[in-house]
Amino acid sequence: MFTFALDSYGKDSVVLEGTPPTGVRFRLRSSYLDTKSGDNVNTTTYGGWKYFVFTR
């Protein structure tokens, strides 16, 4: 699992490099982790999984 923090505008981006295997299903999702964000009012929550496959 990889974790990426948001910038002061609430955004982040990741660049995938290299040659991924084709036909393999990958997934990712967003999450808000309570206490790690500095905000103890909310609770940990997770977004839905997003799936993708490299085809070439």
C-alpha atoms as a PDB file:
ATOM      1  CA  MET A   1       0.000   0.000   0.000  1.00  0.00           C
ATOM      2  CA  PHE A   2       1.225   3.478  -0.872  1.00  0.00           C
ATOM      3  CA  THR A   3       0.098   6.667   0.821  1.00  0.00           C
ATOM      4  CA  PHE A   4       0.278  10.131  -0.725  1.00  0.00           C
ATOM      5  CA  ALA A   5      -0.515  13.302   1.209  1.00  0.00           C
ATOM      6  CA  LEU A   6      -2.559  16.127  -0.298  1.00  0.00           C
ATOM      7  CA  ASP A   7      -1.038  19.546  -0.884  1.00  0.00           C
ATOM      8  CA  SER A   8      -2.463  22.762   0.602  1.00  0.00           C
ATOM      9  CA  TYR A   9      -5.039  22.841  -2.232  1.00  0.00           C
ATOM     10  CA  GLY A  10      -6.300  19.352  -1.391  1.00  0.00           C
ATOM     11  CA  LYS A  11      -4.726  17.740  -4.462  1.00  0.00           C
ATOM     12  CA  ASP A  12      -2.066  15.191  -5.305  1.00  0.00           C
ATOM     13  CA  SER A  13      -0.965  13.335  -8.409  1.00  0.00           C
ATOM     14  CA  VAL A  14       1.075  10.236  -9.138  1.00  0.00           C
ATOM     15  CA  VAL A  15       2.936   9.345 -12.328  1.00  0.00           C
ATOM     16  CA  LEU A  16       3.152   5.687 -13.294  1.00  0.00           C
ATOM     17  CA  GLU A  17       6.406   4.955 -15.089  1.00  0.00           C
ATOM     18  CA  GLY A  18       7.859   1.918 -16.762  1.00  0.00           C
ATOM     19  CA  THR A  19       6.128  -0.828 -18.704  1.00  0.00           C
ATOM     20  CA  PRO A  20       3.288  -2.384 -16.713  1.00  0.00           C
ATOM     21  CA  PRO A  21       2.123  -5.900 -17.474  1.00  0.00           C
ATOM     22  CA  THR A  22      -0.826  -5.950 -19.882  1.00  0.00           C
ATOM     23  CA  GLY A  23      -4.090  -7.658 -19.025  1.00  0.00           C
ATOM     24  CA  VAL A  24      -3.588  -7.349 -15.264  1.00  0.00           C
ATOM     25  CA  ARG A  25      -6.296  -5.549 -13.302  1.00  0.00           C
ATOM     26  CA  PHE A  26      -5.052  -2.826 -10.931  1.00  0.00           C
ATOM     27  CA  ARG A  27      -7.100  -0.903  -8.391  1.00  0.00           C
ATOM     28  CA  LEU A  28      -6.865   2.258  -6.322  1.00  0.00           C
ATOM     29  CA  ARG A  29      -9.041   4.243  -3.963  1.00  0.00           C
ATOM     30  CA  SER A  30      -8.974   7.417  -1.945  1.00  0.00           C
ATOM     31  CA  SER A  31      -9.169   7.530   1.824  1.00  0.00           C
ATOM     32  CA  TYR A  32      -9.320  10.047   4.631  1.00  0.00           C
ATOM     33  CA  LEU A  33      -7.399   8.852   7.674  1.00  0.00           C
ATOM     34  CA  ASP A  34      -8.478  10.350  10.992  1.00  0.00           C
ATOM     35  CA  THR A  35      -5.640  11.624  13.232  1.00  0.00           C
ATOM     36  CA  LYS A  36      -3.116  11.438  10.356  1.00  0.00           C
ATOM     37  CA  SER A  37      -4.602  14.532   8.729  1.00  0.00           C
ATOM     38  CA  GLY A  38      -4.457  16.744  11.826  1.00  0.00           C
ATOM     39  CA  ASP A  39      -8.261  16.843  12.008  1.00  0.00           C
ATOM     40  CA  ASN A  40      -9.755  14.820  14.859  1.00  0.00           C
ATOM     41  CA  VAL A  41     -13.370  15.872  14.221  1.00  0.00           C
ATOM     42  CA  ASN A  42     -13.982  13.527  11.288  1.00  0.00           C
ATOM     43  CA  THR A  43     -13.563   9.788  11.067  1.00  0.00           C
ATOM     44  CA  THR A  44     -11.629   7.526   8.738  1.00  0.00           C
ATOM     45  CA  THR A  45     -13.489   6.919   5.486  1.00  0.00           C
ATOM     46  CA  TYR A  46     -12.694   5.217   2.200  1.00  0.00           C
ATOM     47  CA  GLY A  47     -13.807   5.869  -1.368  1.00  0.00           C
ATOM     48  CA  GLY A  48     -14.860   3.178  -3.789  1.00  0.00           C
ATOM     49  CA  TRP A  49     -12.294   1.134  -5.665  1.00  0.00           C
ATOM     50  CA  LYS A  50     -11.379   2.266  -9.182  1.00  0.00           C
ATOM     51  CA  TYR A  51     -10.177  -0.542 -11.452  1.00  0.00           C
ATOM     52  CA  PHE A  52      -8.063  -0.254 -14.585  1.00  0.00           C
ATOM     53  CA  VAL A  53      -6.240  -2.570 -17.001  1.00  0.00           C
ATOM     54  CA  PHE A  54      -3.272  -1.723 -19.232  1.00  0.00           C
ATOM     55  CA  THR A  55      -3.994  -3.067 -22.691  1.00  0.00           C
ATOM     56  CA  ARG A  56      -0.794  -2.158 -24.559  1.00  0.00           C
END
